[in-house]
């Protein structure tokens, strides 16, 4: 299969994952966690597809730091989806790992000339998550950070097909 087709698939997965993450944040108060679990799972599958599209074409330029960022993000998703193995704290442990891993990958991509908008949105998500956790625990910072995280993937997904035309 042609790499451009795979990148387009990854782009669609990134946009779909981002849109679902935004919807997840908006639906959380309206449905039980059990009803949303399949949507959460699908969201993470789409995120992983989008991450592959972000990382693989630029892996040589990103080096070990890119691999570590990608691996941390993937491991964070596994923590989240394997919460029962970790005494129910999978999301509490995994979500920050995912956010920081994705943001680090975004920053590395931006330094290498791509995904600047997505990296900026993911940095904003980190700032909202940290600020909310430390300074405003009554605010639904995780919803805001989650929405920003999802929007970062939407931006990244829309940028991927344009970037695939550029040399790595």
N, C-alpha and C. Protein backbone atom coordinates (compact mmCIF):
# COMPACT_ATOMS: atom_id res chain seq x y z
N UNK A 1 0.84 -1.18 0.00
CA UNK A 1 0.00 0.00 0.00
C UNK A 1 0.89 1.25 0.00
N UNK A 2 0.48 2.22 -0.73
CA UNK A 2 1.20 3.48 -0.86
C UNK A 2 1.22 4.22 0.49
N UNK A 3 2.39 4.77 0.85
CA UNK A 3 2.53 5.52 2.11
C UNK A 3 1.59 6.71 2.19
N UNK A 4 1.33 7.35 1.06
CA UNK A 4 0.41 8.50 1.07
C UNK A 4 -0.99 8.08 1.49
N UNK A 5 -1.41 6.91 1.06
CA UNK A 5 -2.74 6.41 1.46
C UNK A 5 -2.74 6.13 2.96
N UNK A 6 -1.67 5.52 3.46
CA UNK A 6 -1.59 5.25 4.90
C UNK A 6 -1.61 6.55 5.70
N UNK A 7 -0.92 7.57 5.21
CA UNK A 7 -0.94 8.86 5.91
C UNK A 7 -2.32 9.50 5.88
N UNK A 8 -3.03 9.34 4.79
CA UNK A 8 -4.40 9.87 4.74
C UNK A 8 -5.30 9.13 5.72
N UNK A 9 -5.12 7.82 5.81
CA UNK A 9 -5.90 7.04 6.78
C UNK A 9 -5.57 7.50 8.19
N UNK A 10 -4.27 7.68 8.47
CA UNK A 10 -3.86 8.17 9.79
C UNK A 10 -4.43 9.55 10.07
N UNK A 11 -4.48 10.40 9.04
CA UNK A 11 -5.03 11.75 9.20
C UNK A 11 -6.51 11.67 9.57
N UNK A 12 -7.25 10.83 8.86
CA UNK A 12 -8.68 10.66 9.15
C UNK A 12 -8.86 10.12 10.56
N UNK A 13 -8.02 9.17 10.95
CA UNK A 13 -8.11 8.61 12.30
C UNK A 13 -7.81 9.68 13.35
N UNK A 14 -6.82 10.52 13.10
CA UNK A 14 -6.50 11.59 14.04
C UNK A 14 -7.65 12.58 14.19
N UNK A 15 -8.24 12.98 13.07
CA UNK A 15 -9.37 13.91 13.11
C UNK A 15 -10.55 13.26 13.82
N UNK A 16 -10.83 12.00 13.49
CA UNK A 16 -11.95 11.29 14.12
C UNK A 16 -11.73 11.14 15.62
N UNK A 17 -10.51 10.77 16.01
CA UNK A 17 -10.20 10.65 17.43
C UNK A 17 -10.33 11.97 18.15
N UNK A 18 -9.85 13.03 17.53
CA UNK A 18 -9.96 14.36 18.14
C UNK A 18 -11.40 14.79 18.28
N UNK A 19 -12.20 14.57 17.25
CA UNK A 19 -13.62 14.94 17.32
C UNK A 19 -14.34 14.12 18.38
N UNK A 20 -14.02 12.83 18.46
CA UNK A 20 -14.64 12.00 19.50
C UNK A 20 -14.21 12.44 20.89
N UNK A 21 -12.95 12.87 21.04
CA UNK A 21 -12.49 13.33 22.37
C UNK A 21 -13.23 14.58 22.79
N UNK A 22 -13.47 15.47 21.86
CA UNK A 22 -14.26 16.67 22.17
C UNK A 22 -15.67 16.24 22.57
N UNK A 23 -16.27 15.32 21.80
CA UNK A 23 -17.61 14.83 22.14
C UNK A 23 -17.61 14.11 23.49
N UNK A 24 -16.57 13.33 23.77
CA UNK A 24 -16.47 12.63 25.06
C UNK A 24 -16.57 13.62 26.21
N UNK A 25 -15.84 14.71 26.10
CA UNK A 25 -15.83 15.71 27.18
C UNK A 25 -17.21 16.34 27.35
N UNK A 26 -17.92 16.52 26.25
CA UNK A 26 -19.24 17.13 26.32
C UNK A 26 -20.32 16.16 26.77
N UNK A 27 -20.10 14.86 26.56
CA UNK A 27 -21.12 13.85 26.90
C UNK A 27 -20.94 13.24 28.28
N UNK A 28 -19.79 13.45 28.90
CA UNK A 28 -19.47 12.79 30.16
C UNK A 28 -20.54 12.98 31.22
N UNK A 29 -21.09 14.15 31.36
CA UNK A 29 -22.10 14.39 32.39
C UNK A 29 -23.47 13.87 32.04
N UNK A 30 -23.67 13.46 30.79
CA UNK A 30 -24.99 13.05 30.34
C UNK A 30 -25.18 11.54 30.27
N UNK A 31 -24.11 10.79 30.24
CA UNK A 31 -24.18 9.33 30.14
C UNK A 31 -23.28 8.72 31.21
N UNK A 32 -23.57 7.48 31.59
CA UNK A 32 -22.73 6.79 32.56
C UNK A 32 -21.42 6.37 31.89
N UNK A 33 -20.43 6.15 32.72
CA UNK A 33 -19.13 5.72 32.20
C UNK A 33 -19.22 4.43 31.43
N UNK A 34 -20.07 3.50 31.89
CA UNK A 34 -20.21 2.21 31.22
C UNK A 34 -20.74 2.37 29.80
N UNK A 35 -21.64 3.30 29.59
CA UNK A 35 -22.18 3.52 28.25
C UNK A 35 -21.16 4.19 27.34
N UNK A 36 -20.25 4.95 27.92
CA UNK A 36 -19.25 5.66 27.13
C UNK A 36 -17.98 4.85 26.89
N UNK A 37 -17.79 3.76 27.63
CA UNK A 37 -16.56 2.97 27.47
C UNK A 37 -16.26 2.57 26.03
N UNK A 38 -17.24 2.08 25.26
CA UNK A 38 -16.92 1.75 23.85
C UNK A 38 -16.46 2.97 23.05
N UNK A 39 -17.04 4.13 23.34
CA UNK A 39 -16.65 5.36 22.64
C UNK A 39 -15.23 5.75 23.04
N UNK A 40 -14.92 5.62 24.34
CA UNK A 40 -13.57 5.92 24.81
C UNK A 40 -12.55 5.00 24.14
N UNK A 41 -12.88 3.73 24.05
CA UNK A 41 -11.98 2.76 23.41
C UNK A 41 -11.74 3.14 21.95
N UNK A 42 -12.82 3.43 21.23
CA UNK A 42 -12.71 3.80 19.82
C UNK A 42 -11.90 5.09 19.66
N UNK A 43 -12.12 6.04 20.56
CA UNK A 43 -11.36 7.29 20.54
C UNK A 43 -9.86 7.00 20.63
N UNK A 44 -9.49 6.13 21.56
CA UNK A 44 -8.07 5.80 21.74
C UNK A 44 -7.50 5.05 20.54
N UNK A 45 -8.30 4.18 19.93
CA UNK A 45 -7.84 3.50 18.72
C UNK A 45 -7.54 4.52 17.63
N UNK A 46 -8.45 5.48 17.45
CA UNK A 46 -8.23 6.52 16.44
C UNK A 46 -7.01 7.37 16.79
N UNK A 47 -6.84 7.69 18.07
CA UNK A 47 -5.65 8.45 18.47
C UNK A 47 -4.37 7.70 18.11
N UNK A 48 -4.34 6.41 18.38
CA UNK A 48 -3.13 5.64 18.08
C UNK A 48 -2.84 5.62 16.58
N UNK A 49 -3.88 5.50 15.77
CA UNK A 49 -3.69 5.58 14.32
C UNK A 49 -3.15 6.94 13.91
N UNK A 50 -3.69 7.99 14.50
CA UNK A 50 -3.20 9.34 14.21
C UNK A 50 -1.76 9.53 14.65
N UNK A 51 -1.43 8.98 15.82
CA UNK A 51 -0.04 9.08 16.32
C UNK A 51 0.94 8.39 15.39
N UNK A 52 0.55 7.23 14.87
CA UNK A 52 1.43 6.55 13.91
C UNK A 52 1.70 7.43 12.70
N UNK A 53 0.65 8.11 12.23
CA UNK A 53 0.83 9.01 11.09
C UNK A 53 1.71 10.20 11.40
N UNK A 54 1.70 10.63 12.66
CA UNK A 54 2.56 11.75 13.05
C UNK A 54 4.01 11.30 13.20
N UNK A 55 4.20 10.15 13.83
CA UNK A 55 5.55 9.72 14.18
C UNK A 55 6.31 9.06 13.02
N UNK A 56 5.71 8.07 12.39
CA UNK A 56 6.46 7.24 11.44
C UNK A 56 7.13 8.00 10.30
N UNK A 57 6.45 8.94 9.63
CA UNK A 57 7.13 9.61 8.51
C UNK A 57 8.33 10.47 8.94
N UNK A 58 8.37 10.88 10.18
CA UNK A 58 9.42 11.78 10.65
C UNK A 58 10.33 11.11 11.70
N UNK A 59 10.23 9.81 11.82
CA UNK A 59 10.96 9.10 12.89
C UNK A 59 12.47 9.31 12.83
N UNK A 60 13.04 9.37 11.66
CA UNK A 60 14.50 9.57 11.56
C UNK A 60 14.89 10.93 12.09
N UNK A 61 14.13 11.96 11.76
CA UNK A 61 14.44 13.32 12.23
C UNK A 61 14.17 13.47 13.72
N UNK A 62 13.23 12.73 14.26
CA UNK A 62 12.85 12.86 15.67
C UNK A 62 13.77 12.10 16.61
N UNK A 63 14.45 11.10 16.10
CA UNK A 63 15.43 10.35 16.90
C UNK A 63 14.85 9.67 18.12
N UNK A 64 15.72 9.48 19.10
CA UNK A 64 15.33 8.77 20.32
C UNK A 64 14.29 9.53 21.12
N UNK A 65 14.36 10.84 21.11
CA UNK A 65 13.37 11.64 21.84
C UNK A 65 11.98 11.43 21.24
N UNK A 66 11.89 11.35 19.93
CA UNK A 66 10.61 11.09 19.28
C UNK A 66 10.08 9.71 19.60
N UNK A 67 10.98 8.72 19.58
CA UNK A 67 10.57 7.36 19.93
C UNK A 67 10.08 7.30 21.37
N UNK A 68 10.81 7.95 22.28
CA UNK A 68 10.41 7.94 23.69
C UNK A 68 9.06 8.63 23.87
N UNK A 69 8.83 9.72 23.18
CA UNK A 69 7.55 10.43 23.27
C UNK A 69 6.41 9.58 22.73
N UNK A 70 6.65 8.97 21.57
CA UNK A 70 5.64 8.09 20.98
C UNK A 70 5.34 6.91 21.91
N UNK A 71 6.40 6.27 22.41
CA UNK A 71 6.22 5.11 23.29
C UNK A 71 5.50 5.50 24.58
N UNK A 72 5.86 6.64 25.17
CA UNK A 72 5.19 7.08 26.39
C UNK A 72 3.70 7.27 26.15
N UNK A 73 3.35 7.88 25.02
CA UNK A 73 1.94 8.09 24.70
C UNK A 73 1.22 6.76 24.57
N UNK A 74 1.80 5.82 23.82
CA UNK A 74 1.17 4.52 23.64
C UNK A 74 1.03 3.78 24.98
N UNK A 75 2.06 3.84 25.81
CA UNK A 75 2.00 3.19 27.12
C UNK A 75 0.95 3.85 28.00
N UNK A 76 0.83 5.17 27.91
CA UNK A 76 -0.21 5.88 28.66
C UNK A 76 -1.60 5.40 28.27
N UNK A 77 -1.83 5.23 26.96
CA UNK A 77 -3.13 4.71 26.52
C UNK A 77 -3.37 3.31 27.07
N UNK A 78 -2.33 2.50 27.13
CA UNK A 78 -2.49 1.15 27.69
C UNK A 78 -2.82 1.20 29.18
N UNK A 79 -2.21 2.12 29.91
CA UNK A 79 -2.55 2.31 31.32
C UNK A 79 -4.04 2.63 31.46
N UNK A 80 -4.50 3.55 30.65
CA UNK A 80 -5.90 3.98 30.73
C UNK A 80 -6.84 2.81 30.46
N UNK A 81 -6.57 2.06 29.42
CA UNK A 81 -7.46 0.95 29.03
C UNK A 81 -7.28 -0.29 29.89
N UNK A 82 -6.25 -0.32 30.74
CA UNK A 82 -6.00 -1.47 31.61
C UNK A 82 -6.14 -1.08 33.08
N UNK A 83 -7.07 -0.20 33.37
CA UNK A 83 -7.22 0.38 34.72
C UNK A 83 -7.36 -0.70 35.78
N UNK A 84 -8.05 -1.79 35.47
CA UNK A 84 -8.28 -2.82 36.48
C UNK A 84 -6.97 -3.49 36.92
N UNK A 85 -5.97 -3.48 36.08
CA UNK A 85 -4.67 -4.06 36.45
C UNK A 85 -3.92 -3.19 37.45
N UNK A 86 -4.29 -1.92 37.53
CA UNK A 86 -3.56 -0.97 38.36
C UNK A 86 -4.41 -0.42 39.50
N UNK A 87 -5.31 -1.26 39.99
CA UNK A 87 -6.13 -0.85 41.13
C UNK A 87 -7.08 0.29 40.81
N UNK A 88 -7.51 0.39 39.57
CA UNK A 88 -8.46 1.41 39.18
C UNK A 88 -7.88 2.79 38.95
N UNK A 89 -6.57 2.92 39.02
CA UNK A 89 -5.95 4.25 38.82
C UNK A 89 -5.35 4.40 37.42
N UNK A 90 -5.79 3.55 36.50
CA UNK A 90 -5.23 3.60 35.15
C UNK A 90 -5.38 4.94 34.48
N UNK A 91 -6.55 5.56 34.62
CA UNK A 91 -6.76 6.87 33.99
C UNK A 91 -5.93 7.94 34.70
N UNK A 92 -5.90 7.88 36.02
CA UNK A 92 -5.17 8.87 36.80
C UNK A 92 -3.68 8.85 36.46
N UNK A 93 -3.14 7.67 36.22
CA UNK A 93 -1.73 7.54 35.86
C UNK A 93 -1.53 7.75 34.36
N UNK A 94 -2.41 7.14 33.56
CA UNK A 94 -2.22 7.14 32.12
C UNK A 94 -2.48 8.46 31.43
N UNK A 95 -3.50 9.19 31.87
CA UNK A 95 -3.86 10.44 31.18
C UNK A 95 -2.72 11.47 31.17
N UNK A 96 -2.06 11.71 32.29
CA UNK A 96 -0.92 12.65 32.22
C UNK A 96 0.21 12.15 31.34
N UNK A 97 0.45 10.84 31.35
CA UNK A 97 1.50 10.28 30.50
C UNK A 97 1.14 10.51 29.03
N UNK A 98 -0.12 10.25 28.68
CA UNK A 98 -0.57 10.47 27.31
C UNK A 98 -0.41 11.95 26.92
N UNK A 99 -0.88 12.83 27.78
CA UNK A 99 -0.84 14.26 27.47
C UNK A 99 0.60 14.75 27.32
N UNK A 100 1.46 14.38 28.26
CA UNK A 100 2.85 14.85 28.17
C UNK A 100 3.59 14.18 27.01
N UNK A 101 3.34 12.90 26.76
CA UNK A 101 3.99 12.21 25.64
C UNK A 101 3.59 12.81 24.30
N UNK A 102 2.28 13.05 24.13
CA UNK A 102 1.80 13.64 22.88
C UNK A 102 2.35 15.05 22.71
N UNK A 103 2.34 15.82 23.79
CA UNK A 103 2.84 17.19 23.71
C UNK A 103 4.32 17.21 23.38
N UNK A 104 5.10 16.33 23.99
CA UNK A 104 6.53 16.25 23.68
C UNK A 104 6.74 15.90 22.21
N UNK A 105 5.96 14.94 21.71
CA UNK A 105 6.06 14.57 20.29
C UNK A 105 5.69 15.77 19.42
N UNK A 106 4.63 16.49 19.79
CA UNK A 106 4.22 17.67 19.04
C UNK A 106 5.30 18.74 19.01
N UNK A 107 5.93 18.96 20.15
CA UNK A 107 7.00 19.97 20.22
C UNK A 107 8.18 19.54 19.35
N UNK A 108 8.53 18.27 19.41
CA UNK A 108 9.62 17.77 18.56
C UNK A 108 9.28 17.93 17.08
N UNK A 109 8.03 17.63 16.73
CA UNK A 109 7.61 17.82 15.34
C UNK A 109 7.69 19.29 14.95
N UNK A 110 7.23 20.17 15.84
CA UNK A 110 7.27 21.62 15.55
C UNK A 110 8.71 22.10 15.37
N UNK A 111 9.61 21.62 16.20
CA UNK A 111 11.02 21.99 16.07
C UNK A 111 11.57 21.56 14.71
N UNK A 112 11.05 20.43 14.22
CA UNK A 112 11.48 19.90 12.92
C UNK A 112 10.64 20.43 11.76
N UNK A 113 9.82 21.45 12.01
CA UNK A 113 9.13 22.12 10.93
C UNK A 113 7.73 21.66 10.59
N UNK A 114 7.11 20.86 11.45
CA UNK A 114 5.74 20.44 11.16
C UNK A 114 4.90 20.48 12.43
N UNK A 115 3.60 20.45 12.26
CA UNK A 115 2.63 20.34 13.35
C UNK A 115 2.74 21.43 14.41
N UNK A 116 3.04 22.63 13.99
CA UNK A 116 3.17 23.74 14.96
C UNK A 116 1.84 24.08 15.63
N UNK A 117 0.76 24.05 14.87
CA UNK A 117 -0.55 24.37 15.45
C UNK A 117 -0.95 23.31 16.46
N UNK A 118 -0.82 22.04 16.08
CA UNK A 118 -1.16 20.95 17.00
C UNK A 118 -0.31 21.02 18.26
N UNK A 119 0.98 21.26 18.11
CA UNK A 119 1.87 21.36 19.27
C UNK A 119 1.43 22.48 20.20
N UNK A 120 1.06 23.61 19.63
CA UNK A 120 0.59 24.74 20.44
C UNK A 120 -0.69 24.41 21.20
N UNK A 121 -1.59 23.71 20.54
CA UNK A 121 -2.85 23.33 21.20
C UNK A 121 -2.57 22.33 22.33
N UNK A 122 -1.67 21.38 22.07
CA UNK A 122 -1.35 20.40 23.12
C UNK A 122 -0.63 21.07 24.29
N UNK A 123 0.21 22.05 24.01
CA UNK A 123 0.84 22.81 25.11
C UNK A 123 -0.21 23.55 25.93
N UNK A 124 -1.20 24.09 25.26
CA UNK A 124 -2.30 24.76 25.98
C UNK A 124 -3.07 23.75 26.84
N UNK A 125 -3.26 22.54 26.34
CA UNK A 125 -3.94 21.50 27.12
C UNK A 125 -3.16 21.17 28.39
N UNK A 126 -1.84 21.09 28.28
CA UNK A 126 -1.00 20.85 29.46
C UNK A 126 -1.15 21.99 30.45
N UNK A 127 -1.10 23.22 29.96
CA UNK A 127 -1.22 24.39 30.84
C UNK A 127 -2.57 24.39 31.55
N UNK A 128 -3.64 24.09 30.83
CA UNK A 128 -4.97 24.05 31.44
C UNK A 128 -5.05 22.94 32.48
N UNK A 129 -4.51 21.77 32.15
CA UNK A 129 -4.55 20.65 33.10
C UNK A 129 -3.77 20.96 34.37
N UNK A 130 -2.58 21.52 34.22
CA UNK A 130 -1.75 21.84 35.40
C UNK A 130 -2.38 22.97 36.20
N UNK A 131 -2.79 24.01 35.53
CA UNK A 131 -3.39 25.15 36.23
C UNK A 131 -4.65 24.73 36.96
N UNK A 132 -5.49 23.98 36.29
CA UNK A 132 -6.73 23.54 36.91
C UNK A 132 -6.50 22.63 38.09
N UNK A 133 -5.58 21.72 37.97
CA UNK A 133 -5.30 20.77 39.05
C UNK A 133 -4.71 21.48 40.26
N UNK A 134 -3.80 22.40 40.01
CA UNK A 134 -3.11 23.08 41.11
C UNK A 134 -3.91 24.22 41.72
N UNK A 135 -4.59 24.97 40.89
CA UNK A 135 -5.12 26.25 41.35
C UNK A 135 -6.64 26.34 41.37
N UNK A 136 -7.33 25.55 40.56
CA UNK A 136 -8.79 25.65 40.48
C UNK A 136 -9.42 24.26 40.43
N UNK A 137 -9.33 23.48 41.52
CA UNK A 137 -9.84 22.11 41.45
C UNK A 137 -11.35 22.01 41.23
N UNK A 138 -12.09 23.07 41.51
CA UNK A 138 -13.53 23.03 41.32
C UNK A 138 -13.92 23.19 39.84
N UNK A 139 -13.01 23.67 39.02
CA UNK A 139 -13.27 23.87 37.60
C UNK A 139 -13.07 22.54 36.89
N UNK A 140 -13.84 22.32 35.87
CA UNK A 140 -13.73 21.07 35.12
C UNK A 140 -12.57 21.17 34.13
N UNK A 141 -11.35 21.28 34.69
CA UNK A 141 -10.17 21.47 33.85
C UNK A 141 -9.89 20.27 32.97
N UNK A 142 -10.30 19.09 33.44
CA UNK A 142 -10.04 17.91 32.63
C UNK A 142 -10.89 17.92 31.38
N UNK A 143 -12.11 18.46 31.47
CA UNK A 143 -12.92 18.60 30.27
C UNK A 143 -12.27 19.59 29.31
N UNK A 144 -11.83 20.73 29.82
CA UNK A 144 -11.19 21.74 28.97
C UNK A 144 -9.89 21.19 28.38
N UNK A 145 -9.09 20.55 29.20
CA UNK A 145 -7.84 19.97 28.69
C UNK A 145 -8.14 18.87 27.67
N UNK A 146 -9.15 18.07 27.92
CA UNK A 146 -9.53 17.02 26.98
C UNK A 146 -10.01 17.57 25.65
N UNK A 147 -10.77 18.65 25.72
CA UNK A 147 -11.23 19.29 24.49
C UNK A 147 -10.04 19.83 23.70
N UNK A 148 -9.11 20.48 24.39
CA UNK A 148 -7.91 20.98 23.71
C UNK A 148 -7.08 19.84 23.14
N UNK A 149 -6.96 18.76 23.91
CA UNK A 149 -6.21 17.59 23.42
C UNK A 149 -6.83 17.08 22.12
N UNK A 150 -8.15 16.95 22.12
CA UNK A 150 -8.83 16.49 20.92
C UNK A 150 -8.66 17.45 19.75
N UNK A 151 -8.77 18.75 20.03
CA UNK A 151 -8.59 19.74 18.97
C UNK A 151 -7.18 19.70 18.39
N UNK A 152 -6.19 19.36 19.22
CA UNK A 152 -4.83 19.20 18.72
C UNK A 152 -4.76 18.08 17.68
N UNK A 153 -5.48 17.00 17.93
CA UNK A 153 -5.49 15.91 16.95
C UNK A 153 -6.24 16.29 15.68
N UNK A 154 -7.31 17.07 15.82
CA UNK A 154 -8.01 17.55 14.64
C UNK A 154 -7.05 18.39 13.78
N UNK A 155 -6.34 19.31 14.43
CA UNK A 155 -5.37 20.15 13.70
C UNK A 155 -4.28 19.29 13.07
N UNK A 156 -3.77 18.34 13.81
CA UNK A 156 -2.70 17.47 13.29
C UNK A 156 -3.20 16.65 12.11
N UNK A 157 -4.40 16.12 12.23
CA UNK A 157 -4.96 15.31 11.15
C UNK A 157 -5.15 16.11 9.87
N UNK A 158 -5.63 17.34 10.00
CA UNK A 158 -5.80 18.17 8.80
C UNK A 158 -4.45 18.56 8.19
N UNK A 159 -3.41 18.67 9.00
CA UNK A 159 -2.10 19.05 8.48
C UNK A 159 -1.36 17.88 7.84
N UNK A 160 -1.65 16.65 8.25
CA UNK A 160 -0.90 15.50 7.76
C UNK A 160 -0.90 15.35 6.24
N UNK A 161 -2.04 15.44 5.55
CA UNK A 161 -1.98 15.26 4.08
C UNK A 161 -1.13 16.33 3.39
N UNK A 162 -1.18 17.56 3.90
CA UNK A 162 -0.33 18.61 3.32
C UNK A 162 1.13 18.31 3.55
N UNK A 163 1.45 17.82 4.74
CA UNK A 163 2.84 17.52 5.06
C UNK A 163 3.37 16.34 4.29
N UNK A 164 2.50 15.42 3.92
CA UNK A 164 2.97 14.22 3.21
C UNK A 164 3.50 14.57 1.82
N UNK A 165 3.17 15.76 1.34
CA UNK A 165 3.68 16.20 0.04
C UNK A 165 5.07 16.81 0.15
N UNK A 166 5.48 17.13 1.40
CA UNK A 166 6.79 17.74 1.62
C UNK A 166 7.81 16.64 1.89
N UNK A 167 9.05 16.85 1.55
CA UNK A 167 10.08 15.86 1.90
C UNK A 167 10.31 15.83 3.40
N UNK A 168 10.59 14.67 3.92
CA UNK A 168 10.83 14.52 5.37
C UNK A 168 12.20 15.02 5.76
